[in-house]
Amino acid sequence: MLKLAAGEVANLLSPAHVVGTPLEFGDKAVIPLVHFGFGFGAGSRQDGEKGAGGSGAGGGGGISPVALVIVQRDVPGHDGIQVMSLRKETALAQVISNLTESIAPQVLEVIKERAGSKKAE
């Protein structure tokens, strides 16, 4: 079970999931960048004298916004590209962080569905 879960996490951690789908706003494209974190653990114990034992496994994960890449199509060269960090405590960073927390379950579900559909192909 743990190998299966670890395999699924490996599929989720592709660059396609860290760099989000560009959002189009007129002559600008905004590309979200996120940080994924996942952890798993498992253990068991067998008590030979009492004939009892147990085992368990657990895991958790999270997604947090890191930055936005803003591409201005009407500005040539590197001057048309801006990276806005969301790690600083700004009003925009707080709004995006709150939004990310509220939609994280839906995002994870879509990622799992896409990973499942790619396996079916």
PDB file of N, CA and C in Angstrom:
ATOM      1  N   MET A   1       0.826  -1.190   0.000  1.00  0.00           N
ATOM      2  CA  MET A   1       0.000   0.000   0.000  1.00  0.00           C
ATOM      3  C   MET A   1       0.873   1.256   0.000  1.00  0.00           C
ATOM      4  N   LEU A   2       1.946   1.223   0.800  1.00  0.00           N
ATOM      5  CA  LEU A   2       2.832   2.382   0.879  1.00  0.00           C
ATOM      6  C   LEU A   2       3.560   2.595  -0.444  1.00  0.00           C
ATOM      7  N   LYS A   3       3.955   1.498  -1.120  1.00  0.00           N
ATOM      8  CA  LYS A   3       4.608   1.627  -2.423  1.00  0.00           C
ATOM      9  C   LYS A   3       3.662   2.243  -3.442  1.00  0.00           C
ATOM     10  N   LEU A   4       2.407   1.836  -3.419  1.00  0.00           N
ATOM     11  CA  LEU A   4       1.416   2.390  -4.336  1.00  0.00           C
ATOM     12  C   LEU A   4       1.228   3.880  -4.087  1.00  0.00           C
ATOM     13  N   ALA A   5       1.110   4.255  -2.825  1.00  0.00           N
ATOM     14  CA  ALA A   5       0.936   5.673  -2.489  1.00  0.00           C
ATOM     15  C   ALA A   5       2.158   6.482  -2.899  1.00  0.00           C
ATOM     16  N   ALA A   6       3.349   5.951  -2.649  1.00  0.00           N
ATOM     17  CA  ALA A   6       4.576   6.662  -3.027  1.00  0.00           C
ATOM     18  C   ALA A   6       4.670   6.808  -4.538  1.00  0.00           C
ATOM     19  N   GLY A   7       4.237   5.792  -5.269  1.00  0.00           N
ATOM     20  CA  GLY A   7       4.230   5.878  -6.732  1.00  0.00           C
ATOM     21  C   GLY A   7       3.294   6.952  -7.240  1.00  0.00           C
ATOM     22  N   GLU A   8       2.140   7.071  -6.618  1.00  0.00           N
ATOM     23  CA  GLU A   8       1.189   8.112  -7.007  1.00  0.00           C
ATOM     24  C   GLU A   8       1.742   9.499  -6.708  1.00  0.00           C
ATOM     25  N   VAL A   9       2.408   9.653  -5.579  1.00  0.00           N
ATOM     26  CA  VAL A   9       3.010  10.945  -5.238  1.00  0.00           C
ATOM     27  C   VAL A   9       4.082  11.300  -6.259  1.00  0.00           C
ATOM     28  N   ALA A  10       4.876  10.322  -6.674  1.00  0.00           N
ATOM     29  CA  ALA A  10       5.903  10.580  -7.687  1.00  0.00           C
ATOM     30  C   ALA A  10       5.267  11.091  -8.974  1.00  0.00           C
ATOM     31  N   ASN A  11       4.121  10.548  -9.347  1.00  0.00           N
ATOM     32  CA  ASN A  11       3.414  11.031 -10.540  1.00  0.00           C
ATOM     33  C   ASN A  11       2.919  12.455 -10.353  1.00  0.00           C
ATOM     34  N   LEU A  12       2.480  12.784  -9.155  1.00  0.00           N
ATOM     35  CA  LEU A  12       1.953  14.123  -8.889  1.00  0.00           C
ATOM     36  C   LEU A  12       3.035  15.187  -8.895  1.00  0.00           C
ATOM     37  N   LEU A  13       4.259  14.822  -8.561  1.00  0.00           N
ATOM     38  CA  LEU A  13       5.329  15.801  -8.416  1.00  0.00           C
ATOM     39  C   LEU A  13       6.079  16.060  -9.715  1.00  0.00           C
ATOM     40  N   SER A  14       5.392  16.070 -10.811  1.00  0.00           N
ATOM     41  CA  SER A  14       6.026  16.391 -12.085  1.00  0.00           C
ATOM     42  C   SER A  14       6.070  17.901 -12.264  1.00  0.00           C
ATOM     43  N   PRO A  15       6.983  18.395 -13.108  1.00  0.00           N
ATOM     44  CA  PRO A  15       7.049  19.845 -13.348  1.00  0.00           C
ATOM     45  C   PRO A  15       5.734  20.430 -13.856  1.00  0.00           C
ATOM     46  N   ALA A  16       4.940  19.629 -14.527  1.00  0.00           N
ATOM     47  CA  ALA A  16       3.656  20.123 -15.034  1.00  0.00           C
ATOM     48  C   ALA A  16       2.717  20.527 -13.909  1.00  0.00           C
ATOM     49  N   HIS A  17       2.906  19.957 -12.725  1.00  0.00           N
ATOM     50  CA  HIS A  17       2.039  20.299 -11.601  1.00  0.00           C
ATOM     51  C   HIS A  17       2.601  21.426 -10.750  1.00  0.00           C
ATOM     52  N   VAL A  18       3.915  21.655 -10.813  1.00  0.00           N
ATOM     53  CA  VAL A  18       4.539  22.728 -10.042  1.00  0.00           C
ATOM     54  C   VAL A  18       4.352  24.063 -10.749  1.00  0.00           C
ATOM     55  N   VAL A  19       4.420  24.033 -12.072  1.00  0.00           N
ATOM     56  CA  VAL A  19       4.163  25.221 -12.885  1.00  0.00           C
ATOM     57  C   VAL A  19       2.732  25.100 -13.376  1.00  0.00           C
ATOM     58  N   GLY A  20       1.882  26.000 -12.926  1.00  0.00           N
ATOM     59  CA  GLY A  20       0.461  25.913 -13.246  1.00  0.00           C
ATOM     60  C   GLY A  20       0.133  26.318 -14.670  1.00  0.00           C
ATOM     61  N   THR A  21      -1.096  26.115 -15.044  1.00  0.00           N
ATOM     62  CA  THR A  21      -1.590  26.508 -16.355  1.00  0.00           C
ATOM     63  C   THR A  21      -1.647  28.029 -16.435  1.00  0.00           C
ATOM     64  N   PRO A  22      -1.094  28.608 -17.504  1.00  0.00           N
ATOM     65  CA  PRO A  22      -1.131  30.074 -17.631  1.00  0.00           C
ATOM     66  C   PRO A  22      -2.561  30.609 -17.654  1.00  0.00           C
ATOM     67  N   LEU A  23      -2.759  31.720 -16.974  1.00  0.00           N
ATOM     68  CA  LEU A  23      -4.042  32.413 -16.967  1.00  0.00           C
ATOM     69  C   LEU A  23      -3.899  33.625 -17.877  1.00  0.00           C
ATOM     70  N   GLU A  24      -4.774  33.758 -18.834  1.00  0.00           N
ATOM     71  CA  GLU A  24      -4.691  34.830 -19.825  1.00  0.00           C
ATOM     72  C   GLU A  24      -5.508  36.036 -19.373  1.00  0.00           C
ATOM     73  N   PHE A  25      -4.881  37.215 -19.414  1.00  0.00           N
ATOM     74  CA  PHE A  25      -5.532  38.480 -19.083  1.00  0.00           C
ATOM     75  C   PHE A  25      -5.142  39.503 -20.139  1.00  0.00           C
ATOM     76  N   GLY A  26      -5.858  39.510 -21.255  1.00  0.00           N
ATOM     77  CA  GLY A  26      -5.544  40.445 -22.333  1.00  0.00           C
ATOM     78  C   GLY A  26      -4.159  40.186 -22.891  1.00  0.00           C
ATOM     79  N   ASP A  27      -3.274  41.191 -22.789  1.00  0.00           N
ATOM     80  CA  ASP A  27      -1.916  41.051 -23.311  1.00  0.00           C
ATOM     81  C   ASP A  27      -0.951  40.463 -22.288  1.00  0.00           C
ATOM     82  N   LYS A  28      -1.466  39.948 -21.178  1.00  0.00           N
ATOM     83  CA  LYS A  28      -0.627  39.371 -20.126  1.00  0.00           C
ATOM     84  C   LYS A  28      -1.018  37.917 -19.875  1.00  0.00           C
ATOM     85  N   ALA A  29      -0.021  37.142 -19.513  1.00  0.00           N
ATOM     86  CA  ALA A  29      -0.249  35.770 -19.056  1.00  0.00           C
ATOM     87  C   ALA A  29       0.348  35.658 -17.657  1.00  0.00           C
ATOM     88  N   VAL A  30      -0.393  35.065 -16.749  1.00  0.00           N
ATOM     89  CA  VAL A  30       0.070  34.871 -15.374  1.00  0.00           C
ATOM     90  C   VAL A  30       0.227  33.370 -15.149  1.00  0.00           C
ATOM     91  N   ILE A  31       1.441  32.979 -14.770  1.00  0.00           N
ATOM     92  CA  ILE A  31       1.751  31.566 -14.569  1.00  0.00           C
ATOM     93  C   ILE A  31       2.028  31.340 -13.080  1.00  0.00           C
ATOM     94  N   PRO A  32       1.187  30.568 -12.399  1.00  0.00           N
ATOM     95  CA  PRO A  32       1.410  30.312 -10.968  1.00  0.00           C
ATOM     96  C   PRO A  32       2.486  29.246 -10.744  1.00  0.00           C
ATOM     97  N   LEU A  33       3.284  29.443  -9.713  1.00  0.00           N
ATOM     98  CA  LEU A  33       4.273  28.454  -9.277  1.00  0.00           C
ATOM     99  C   LEU A  33       3.916  28.051  -7.853  1.00  0.00           C
ATOM    100  N   VAL A  34       3.900  26.744  -7.585  1.00  0.00           N
ATOM    101  CA  VAL A  34       3.519  26.265  -6.260  1.00  0.00           C
ATOM    102  C   VAL A  34       4.577  25.323  -5.707  1.00  0.00           C
ATOM    103  N   HIS A  35       4.531  25.134  -4.404  1.00  0.00           N
ATOM    104  CA  HIS A  35       5.415  24.210  -3.695  1.00  0.00           C
ATOM    105  C   HIS A  35       4.554  23.070  -3.159  1.00  0.00           C
ATOM    106  N   PHE A  36       4.961  21.837  -3.455  1.00  0.00           N
ATOM    107  CA  PHE A  36       4.276  20.660  -2.938  1.00  0.00           C
ATOM    108  C   PHE A  36       5.093  20.080  -1.789  1.00  0.00           C
ATOM    109  N   GLY A  37       4.431  19.585  -0.778  1.00  0.00           N
ATOM    110  CA  GLY A  37       5.098  18.860   0.292  1.00  0.00           C
ATOM    111  C   GLY A  37       4.276  17.642   0.674  1.00  0.00           C
ATOM    112  N   PHE A  38       4.912  16.482   0.712  1.00  0.00           N
ATOM    113  CA  PHE A  38       4.229  15.242   1.067  1.00  0.00           C
ATOM    114  C   PHE A  38       5.102  14.441   2.021  1.00  0.00           C
ATOM    115  N   GLY A  39       4.471  13.713   2.917  1.00  0.00           N
ATOM    116  CA  GLY A  39       5.204  12.844   3.820  1.00  0.00           C
ATOM    117  C   GLY A  39       4.402  11.591   4.131  1.00  0.00           C
ATOM    118  N   PHE A  40       5.106  10.486   4.300  1.00  0.00           N
ATOM    119  CA  PHE A  40       4.465   9.213   4.598  1.00  0.00           C
ATOM    120  C   PHE A  40       5.249   8.492   5.679  1.00  0.00           C
ATOM    121  N   GLY A  41       4.562   7.646   6.403  1.00  0.00           N
ATOM    122  CA  GLY A  41       5.222   6.821   7.400  1.00  0.00           C
ATOM    123  C   GLY A  41       4.428   5.552   7.640  1.00  0.00           C
ATOM    124  N   ALA A  42       5.118   4.522   8.063  1.00  0.00           N
ATOM    125  CA  ALA A  42       4.455   3.252   8.362  1.00  0.00           C
ATOM    126  C   ALA A  42       5.267   2.524   9.426  1.00  0.00           C
ATOM    127  N   GLY A  43       4.597   1.682  10.173  1.00  0.00           N
ATOM    128  CA  GLY A  43       5.287   0.902  11.188  1.00  0.00           C
ATOM    129  C   GLY A  43       4.426  -0.244  11.676  1.00  0.00           C
ATOM    130  N   SER A  44       5.084  -1.187  12.331  1.00  0.00           N
ATOM    131  CA  SER A  44       4.344  -2.317  12.899  1.00  0.00           C
ATOM    132  C   SER A  44       5.114  -2.857  14.096  1.00  0.00           C
ATOM    133  N   ARG A  45       4.389  -3.614  14.896  1.00  0.00           N
ATOM    134  CA  ARG A  45       4.994  -4.234  16.071  1.00  0.00           C
ATOM    135  C   ARG A  45       4.315  -5.573  16.304  1.00  0.00           C
ATOM    136  N   GLN A  46       5.116  -6.539  16.627  1.00  0.00           N
ATOM    137  CA  GLN A  46       4.590  -7.864  16.931  1.00  0.00           C
ATOM    138  C   GLN A  46       5.094  -8.242  18.316  1.00  0.00           C
ATOM    139  N   ASP A  47       4.184  -8.532  19.225  1.00  0.00           N
ATOM    140  CA  ASP A  47       4.547  -8.934  20.586  1.00  0.00           C
ATOM    141  C   ASP A  47       4.393 -10.449  20.671  1.00  0.00           C
ATOM    142  N   GLY A  48       5.524 -11.154  20.627  1.00  0.00           N
ATOM    143  CA  GLY A  48       5.500 -12.614  20.594  1.00  0.00           C
ATOM    144  C   GLY A  48       4.929 -13.249  21.846  1.00  0.00           C
ATOM    145  N   GLU A  49       5.166 -12.668  23.019  1.00  0.00           N
ATOM    146  CA  GLU A  49       4.701 -13.259  24.270  1.00  0.00           C
ATOM    147  C   GLU A  49       3.186 -13.205  24.395  1.00  0.00           C
ATOM    148  N   LYS A  50       2.595 -12.118  23.993  1.00  0.00           N
ATOM    149  CA  LYS A  50       1.146 -11.955  24.144  1.00  0.00           C
ATOM    150  C   LYS A  50       0.379 -12.358  22.886  1.00  0.00           C
ATOM    151  N   GLY A  51       1.100 -12.625  21.810  1.00  0.00           N
ATOM    152  CA  GLY A  51       0.434 -12.997  20.569  1.00  0.00           C
ATOM    153  C   GLY A  51      -0.331 -11.851  19.935  1.00  0.00           C
ATOM    154  N   ALA A  52       0.048 -10.645  20.277  1.00  0.00           N
ATOM    155  CA  ALA A  52      -0.654  -9.478  19.742  1.00  0.00           C
ATOM    156  C   ALA A  52       0.316  -8.636  18.919  1.00  0.00           C
ATOM    157  N   GLY A  53      -0.229  -7.814  18.112  1.00  0.00           N
ATOM    158  CA  GLY A  53       0.595  -6.916  17.299  1.00  0.00           C
ATOM    159  C   GLY A  53      -0.277  -5.867  16.653  1.00  0.00           C
ATOM    160  N   GLY A  54       0.357  -5.022  15.934  1.00  0.00           N
ATOM    161  CA  GLY A  54      -0.393  -3.982  15.248  1.00  0.00           C
ATOM    162  C   GLY A  54       0.468  -3.305  14.207  1.00  0.00           C
ATOM    163  N   SER A  55      -0.175  -2.619  13.338  1.00  0.00           N
ATOM    164  CA  SER A  55       0.544  -1.868  12.313  1.00  0.00           C
ATOM    165  C   SER A  55      -0.282  -0.653  11.930  1.00  0.00           C
ATOM    166  N   GLY A  56       0.382   0.288  11.311  1.00  0.00           N
ATOM    167  CA  GLY A  56      -0.318   1.495  10.888  1.00  0.00           C
ATOM    168  C   GLY A  56       0.487   2.249   9.849  1.00  0.00           C
ATOM    169  N   ALA A  57      -0.189   3.096   9.152  1.00  0.00           N
ATOM    170  CA  ALA A  57       0.452   3.937   8.141  1.00  0.00           C
ATOM    171  C   ALA A  57      -0.290   5.257   8.083  1.00  0.00           C
ATOM    172  N   GLY A  58       0.413   6.280   7.675  1.00  0.00           N
ATOM    173  CA  GLY A  58      -0.220   7.586   7.563  1.00  0.00           C
ATOM    174  C   GLY A  58       0.531   8.454   6.583  1.00  0.00           C
ATOM    175  N   GLY A  59      -0.104   9.497   6.191  1.00  0.00           N
ATOM    176  CA  GLY A  59       0.532  10.413   5.255  1.00  0.00           C
ATOM    177  C   GLY A  59      -0.178  11.747   5.261  1.00  0.00           C
ATOM    178  N   GLY A  60       0.468  12.701   4.684  1.00  0.00           N
ATOM    179  CA  GLY A  60      -0.121  14.028   4.590  1.00  0.00           C
ATOM    180  C   GLY A  60       0.572  14.819   3.508  1.00  0.00           C
ATOM    181  N   GLY A  61      -0.040  15.895   3.137  1.00  0.00           N
ATOM    182  CA  GLY A  61       0.551  16.718   2.091  1.00  0.00           C
ATOM    183  C   GLY A  61      -0.034  18.104   2.086  1.00  0.00           C
ATOM    184  N   GLY A  62       0.584  18.948   1.317  1.00  0.00           N
ATOM    185  CA  GLY A  62       0.095  20.310   1.213  1.00  0.00           C
ATOM    186  C   GLY A  62       0.626  21.001  -0.023  1.00  0.00           C
ATOM    187  N   ILE A  63      -0.038  22.069  -0.382  1.00  0.00           N
ATOM    188  CA  ILE A  63       0.346  22.890  -1.527  1.00  0.00           C
ATOM    189  C   ILE A  63       0.376  24.332  -1.049  1.00  0.00           C
ATOM    190  N   SER A  64       1.422  25.058  -1.409  1.00  0.00           N
ATOM    191  CA  SER A  64       1.445  26.477  -1.070  1.00  0.00           C
ATOM    192  C   SER A  64       1.956  27.276  -2.262  1.00  0.00           C
ATOM    193  N   PRO A  65       1.379  28.440  -2.503  1.00  0.00           N
ATOM    194  CA  PRO A  65       1.831  29.272  -3.623  1.00  0.00           C
ATOM    195  C   PRO A  65       3.206  29.856  -3.321  1.00  0.00           C
ATOM    196  N   VAL A  66       4.049  29.916  -4.340  1.00  0.00           N
ATOM    197  CA  VAL A  66       5.399  30.435  -4.177  1.00  0.00           C
ATOM    198  C   VAL A  66       5.567  31.757  -4.917  1.00  0.00           C
ATOM    199  N   ALA A  67       5.119  31.779  -6.173  1.00  0.00           N
ATOM    200  CA  ALA A  67       5.330  32.976  -6.986  1.00  0.00           C
ATOM    201  C   ALA A  67       4.372  32.989  -8.165  1.00  0.00           C
ATOM    202  N   LEU A  68       4.291  34.142  -8.792  1.00  0.00           N
ATOM    203  CA  LEU A  68       3.571  34.305 -10.049  1.00  0.00           C
ATOM    204  C   LEU A  68       4.568  34.824 -11.076  1.00  0.00           C
ATOM    205  N   VAL A  69       4.578  34.225 -12.255  1.00  0.00           N
ATOM    206  CA  VAL A  69       5.376  34.735 -13.363  1.00  0.00           C
ATOM    207  C   VAL A  69       4.408  35.480 -14.267  1.00  0.00           C
ATOM    208  N   ILE A  70       4.672  36.757 -14.479  1.00  0.00           N
ATOM    209  CA  ILE A  70       3.795  37.592 -15.298  1.00  0.00           C
ATOM    210  C   ILE A  70       4.529  37.903 -16.598  1.00  0.00           C
ATOM    211  N   VAL A  71       3.942  37.491 -17.716  1.00  0.00           N
ATOM    212  CA  VAL A  71       4.527  37.717 -19.034  1.00  0.00           C
ATOM    213  C   VAL A  71       3.676  38.753 -19.751  1.00  0.00           C
ATOM    214  N   GLN A  72       4.296  39.881 -20.090  1.00  0.00           N
ATOM    215  CA  GLN A  72       3.614  40.937 -20.843  1.00  0.00           C
ATOM    216  C   GLN A  72       3.994  40.770 -22.310  1.00  0.00           C
ATOM    217  N   ARG A  73       3.046  40.384 -23.128  1.00  0.00           N
ATOM    218  CA  ARG A  73       3.324  40.067 -24.527  1.00  0.00           C
ATOM    219  C   ARG A  73       3.727  41.289 -25.352  1.00  0.00           C
ATOM    220  N   ASP A  74       3.292  42.466 -24.946  1.00  0.00           N
ATOM    221  CA  ASP A  74       3.603  43.664 -25.727  1.00  0.00           C
ATOM    222  C   ASP A  74       4.946  44.291 -25.345  1.00  0.00           C
ATOM    223  N   VAL A  75       5.684  43.684 -24.412  1.00  0.00           N
ATOM    224  CA  VAL A  75       7.004  44.181 -24.012  1.00  0.00           C
ATOM    225  C   VAL A  75       8.035  43.134 -24.429  1.00  0.00           C
ATOM    226  N   PRO A  76       8.949  43.487 -25.360  1.00  0.00           N
ATOM    227  CA  PRO A  76       9.907  42.492 -25.860  1.00  0.00           C
ATOM    228  C   PRO A  76      11.007  42.162 -24.850  1.00  0.00           C
ATOM    229  N   GLY A  77      11.562  40.960 -24.994  1.00  0.00           N
ATOM    230  CA  GLY A  77      12.700  40.539 -24.189  1.00  0.00           C
ATOM    231  C   GLY A  77      12.378  40.277 -22.734  1.00  0.00           C
ATOM    232  N   HIS A  78      13.440  40.247 -21.945  1.00  0.00           N
ATOM    233  CA  HIS A  78      13.278  39.922 -20.523  1.00  0.00           C
ATOM    234  C   HIS A  78      12.557  41.021 -19.752  1.00  0.00           C
ATOM    235  N   ASP A  79      12.465  42.218 -20.316  1.00  0.00           N
ATOM    236  CA  ASP A  79      11.726  43.291 -19.643  1.00  0.00           C
ATOM    237  C   ASP A  79      10.235  42.981 -19.543  1.00  0.00           C
ATOM    238  N   GLY A  80       9.752  42.097 -20.399  1.00  0.00           N
ATOM    239  CA  GLY A  80       8.343  41.734 -20.388  1.00  0.00           C
ATOM    240  C   GLY A  80       8.004  40.614 -19.424  1.00  0.00           C
ATOM    241  N   ILE A  81       8.995  40.152 -18.669  1.00  0.00           N
ATOM    242  CA  ILE A  81       8.774  39.052 -17.721  1.00  0.00           C
ATOM    243  C   ILE A  81       9.038  39.555 -16.310  1.00  0.00           C
ATOM    244  N   GLN A  82       8.080  39.319 -15.431  1.00  0.00           N
ATOM    245  CA  GLN A  82       8.197  39.748 -14.040  1.00  0.00           C
ATOM    246  C   GLN A  82       7.858  38.557 -13.146  1.00  0.00           C
ATOM    247  N   VAL A  83       8.645  38.355 -12.109  1.00  0.00           N
ATOM    248  CA  VAL A  83       8.378  37.299 -11.133  1.00  0.00           C
ATOM    249  C   VAL A  83       7.971  37.976  -9.830  1.00  0.00           C
ATOM    250  N   MET A  84       6.770  37.639  -9.361  1.00  0.00           N
ATOM    251  CA  MET A  84       6.256  38.225  -8.121  1.00  0.00           C
ATOM    252  C   MET A  84       6.250  37.154  -7.035  1.00  0.00           C
ATOM    253  N   SER A  85       7.098  37.329  -6.047  1.00  0.00           N
ATOM    254  CA  SER A  85       7.165  36.374  -4.943  1.00  0.00           C
ATOM    255  C   SER A  85       5.916  36.487  -4.082  1.00  0.00           C
ATOM    256  N   LEU A  86       5.405  35.350  -3.684  1.00  0.00           N
ATOM    257  CA  LEU A  86       4.258  35.318  -2.776  1.00  0.00           C
ATOM    258  C   LEU A  86       4.690  34.906  -1.373  1.00  0.00           C
ATOM    259  N   ARG A  87       5.976  34.785  -1.152  1.00  0.00           N
ATOM    260  CA  ARG A  87       6.498  34.426   0.165  1.00  0.00           C
ATOM    261  C   ARG A  87       6.533  35.634   1.093  1.00  0.00           C
ATOM    262  N   LYS A  88       6.594  36.821   0.527  1.00  0.00           N
ATOM    263  CA  LYS A  88       6.585  38.035   1.339  1.00  0.00           C
ATOM    264  C   LYS A  88       5.174  38.267   1.853  1.00  0.00           C
ATOM    265  N   GLU A  89       5.051  38.899   2.974  1.00  0.00           N
ATOM    266  CA  GLU A  89       3.738  39.189   3.547  1.00  0.00           C
ATOM    267  C   GLU A  89       3.141  40.437   2.894  1.00  0.00           C
ATOM    268  N   THR A  90       2.487  40.230   1.768  1.00  0.00           N
ATOM    269  CA  THR A  90       1.780  41.320   1.103  1.00  0.00           C
ATOM    270  C   THR A  90       0.301  40.969   1.085  1.00  0.00           C
ATOM    271  N   ALA A  91      -0.519  41.957   0.794  1.00  0.00           N
ATOM    272  CA  ALA A  91      -1.965  41.706   0.730  1.00  0.00           C
ATOM    273  C   ALA A  91      -2.281  40.688  -0.357  1.00  0.00           C
ATOM    274  N   LEU A  92      -1.633  40.813  -1.525  1.00  0.00           N
ATOM    275  CA  LEU A  92      -1.874  39.873  -2.617  1.00  0.00           C
ATOM    276  C   LEU A  92      -1.449  38.462  -2.220  1.00  0.00           C
ATOM    277  N   ALA A  93      -0.302  38.341  -1.575  1.00  0.00           N
ATOM    278  CA  ALA A  93       0.165  37.022  -1.145  1.00  0.00           C
ATOM    279  C   ALA A  93      -0.818  36.389  -0.166  1.00  0.00           C
ATOM    280  N   GLN A  94      -1.366  37.181   0.739  1.00  0.00           N
ATOM    281  CA  GLN A  94      -2.321  36.660   1.718  1.00  0.00           C
ATOM    282  C   GLN A  94      -3.611  36.206   1.048  1.00  0.00           C
ATOM    283  N   VAL A  95      -4.106  36.984   0.090  1.00  0.00           N
ATOM    284  CA  VAL A  95      -5.334  36.610  -0.625  1.00  0.00           C
ATOM    285  C   VAL A  95      -5.121  35.312  -1.388  1.00  0.00           C
ATOM    286  N   ILE A  96      -4.005  35.203  -2.098  1.00  0.00           N
ATOM    287  CA  ILE A  96      -3.737  33.990  -2.877  1.00  0.00           C
ATOM    288  C   ILE A  96      -3.528  32.800  -1.951  1.00  0.00           C
ATOM    289  N   SER A  97      -2.862  33.002  -0.834  1.00  0.00           N
ATOM    290  CA  SER A  97      -2.668  31.921   0.127  1.00  0.00           C
ATOM    291  C   SER A  97      -4.005  31.424   0.665  1.00  0.00           C
ATOM    292  N   ASN A  98      -4.891  32.343   1.025  1.00  0.00           N
ATOM    293  CA  ASN A  98      -6.217  31.954   1.519  1.00  0.00           C
ATOM    294  C   ASN A  98      -7.010  31.234   0.444  1.00  0.00           C
ATOM    295  N   LEU A  99      -6.929  31.718  -0.782  1.00  0.00           N
ATOM    296  CA  LEU A  99      -7.634  31.082  -1.894  1.00  0.00           C
ATOM    297  C   LEU A  99      -7.092  29.677  -2.119  1.00  0.00           C
ATOM    298  N   THR A 100      -5.772  29.534  -2.068  1.00  0.00           N
ATOM    299  CA  THR A 100      -5.147  28.226  -2.265  1.00  0.00           C
ATOM    300  C   THR A 100      -5.607  27.236  -1.208  1.00  0.00           C
ATOM    301  N   GLU A 101      -5.674  27.672   0.032  1.00  0.00           N
ATOM    302  CA  GLU A 101      -6.124  26.783   1.105  1.00  0.00           C
ATOM    303  C   GLU A 101      -7.561  26.330   0.887  1.00  0.00           C
ATOM    304  N   SER A 102      -8.396  27.219   0.375  1.00  0.00           N
ATOM    305  CA  SER A 102      -9.805  26.865   0.206  1.00  0.00           C
ATOM    306  C   SER A 102     -10.037  25.959  -0.996  1.00  0.00           C
ATOM    307  N   ILE A 103      -9.182  26.040  -2.028  1.00  0.00           N
ATOM    308  CA  ILE A 103      -9.402  25.208  -3.211  1.00  0.00           C
ATOM    309  C   ILE A 103      -8.443  24.026  -3.297  1.00  0.00           C
ATOM    310  N   ALA A 104      -7.533  23.882  -2.331  1.00  0.00           N
ATOM    311  CA  ALA A 104      -6.546  22.798  -2.372  1.00  0.00           C
ATOM    312  C   ALA A 104      -7.184  21.416  -2.535  1.00  0.00           C
ATOM    313  N   PRO A 105      -8.261  21.078  -1.824  1.00  0.00           N
ATOM    314  CA  PRO A 105      -8.850  19.746  -2.017  1.00  0.00           C
ATOM    315  C   PRO A 105      -9.316  19.507  -3.456  1.00  0.00           C
ATOM    316  N   GLN A 106      -9.900  20.523  -4.079  1.00  0.00           N
ATOM    317  CA  GLN A 106     -10.349  20.372  -5.458  1.00  0.00           C
ATOM    318  C   GLN A 106      -9.161  20.224  -6.402  1.00  0.00           C
ATOM    319  N   VAL A 107      -8.100  20.977  -6.166  1.00  0.00           N
ATOM    320  CA  VAL A 107      -6.906  20.894  -7.009  1.00  0.00           C
ATOM    321  C   VAL A 107      -6.290  19.505  -6.911  1.00  0.00           C
ATOM    322  N   LEU A 108      -6.175  18.979  -5.703  1.00  0.00           N
ATOM    323  CA  LEU A 108      -5.623  17.636  -5.531  1.00  0.00           C
ATOM    324  C   LEU A 108      -6.476  16.594  -6.234  1.00  0.00           C
ATOM    325  N   GLU A 109      -7.782  16.749  -6.186  1.00  0.00           N
ATOM    326  CA  GLU A 109      -8.679  15.799  -6.852  1.00  0.00           C
ATOM    327  C   GLU A 109      -8.477  15.827  -8.365  1.00  0.00           C
ATOM    328  N   VAL A 110      -8.356  17.017  -8.944  1.00  0.00           N
ATOM    329  CA  VAL A 110      -8.131  17.141 -10.387  1.00  0.00           C
ATOM    330  C   VAL A 110      -6.794  16.515 -10.767  1.00  0.00           C
ATOM    331  N   ILE A 111      -5.762  16.753  -9.966  1.00  0.00           N
ATOM    332  CA  ILE A 111      -4.449  16.172 -10.247  1.00  0.00           C
ATOM    333  C   ILE A 111      -4.525  14.653 -10.213  1.00  0.00           C
ATOM    334  N   LYS A 112      -5.223  14.103  -9.227  1.00  0.00           N
ATOM    335  CA  LYS A 112      -5.373  12.651  -9.136  1.00  0.00           C
ATOM    336  C   LYS A 112      -6.132  12.105 -10.338  1.00  0.00           C
ATOM    337  N   GLU A 113      -7.188  12.810 -10.756  1.00  0.00           N
ATOM    338  CA  GLU A 113      -7.968  12.366 -11.912  1.00  0.00           C
ATOM    339  C   GLU A 113      -7.120  12.378 -13.174  1.00  0.00           C
ATOM    340  N   ARG A 114      -6.325  13.430 -13.358  1.00  0.00           N
ATOM    341  CA  ARG A 114      -5.463  13.510 -14.544  1.00  0.00           C
ATOM    342  C   ARG A 114      -4.425  12.399 -14.533  1.00  0.00           C
ATOM    343  N   ALA A 115      -3.858  12.128 -13.364  1.00  0.00           N
ATOM    344  CA  ALA A 115      -2.872  11.055 -13.264  1.00  0.00           C
ATOM    345  C   ALA A 115      -3.524   9.715 -13.588  1.00  0.00           C
ATOM    346  N   GLY A 116      -4.753   9.510 -13.134  1.00  0.00           N
ATOM    347  CA  GLY A 116      -5.476   8.275 -13.420  1.00  0.00           C
ATOM    348  C   GLY A 116      -5.821   8.130 -14.884  1.00  0.00           C
ATOM    349  N   SER A 117      -6.202   9.236 -15.543  1.00  0.00           N
ATOM    350  CA  SER A 117      -6.557   9.162 -16.960  1.00  0.00           C
ATOM    351  C   SER A 117      -5.325   8.919 -17.818  1.00  0.00           C
ATOM    352  N   LYS A 118      -4.152   9.414 -17.414  1.00  0.00           N
ATOM    353  CA  LYS A 118      -2.923   9.162 -18.164  1.00  0.00           C
ATOM    354  C   LYS A 118      -2.529   7.698 -18.074  1.00  0.00           C
ATOM    355  N   LYS A 119      -2.782   7.067 -16.915  1.00  0.00           N
ATOM    356  CA  LYS A 119      -2.475   5.647 -16.770  1.00  0.00           C
ATOM    357  C   LYS A 119      -3.400   4.803 -17.641  1.00  0.00           C
ATOM    358  N   ALA A 120      -4.646   5.251 -17.790  1.00  0.00           N
ATOM    359  CA  ALA A 120      -5.622   4.505 -18.581  1.00  0.00           C
ATOM    360  C   ALA A 120      -5.269   4.531 -20.063  1.00  0.00           C
ATOM    361  N   GLU A 121      -4.564   5.583 -20.487  1.00  0.00           N
ATOM    362  CA  GLU A 121      -4.177   5.701 -21.903  1.00  0.00           C
ATOM    363  C   GLU A 121      -3.103   4.717 -22.175  1.00  0.00           C
TER     364      GLU A 121
END
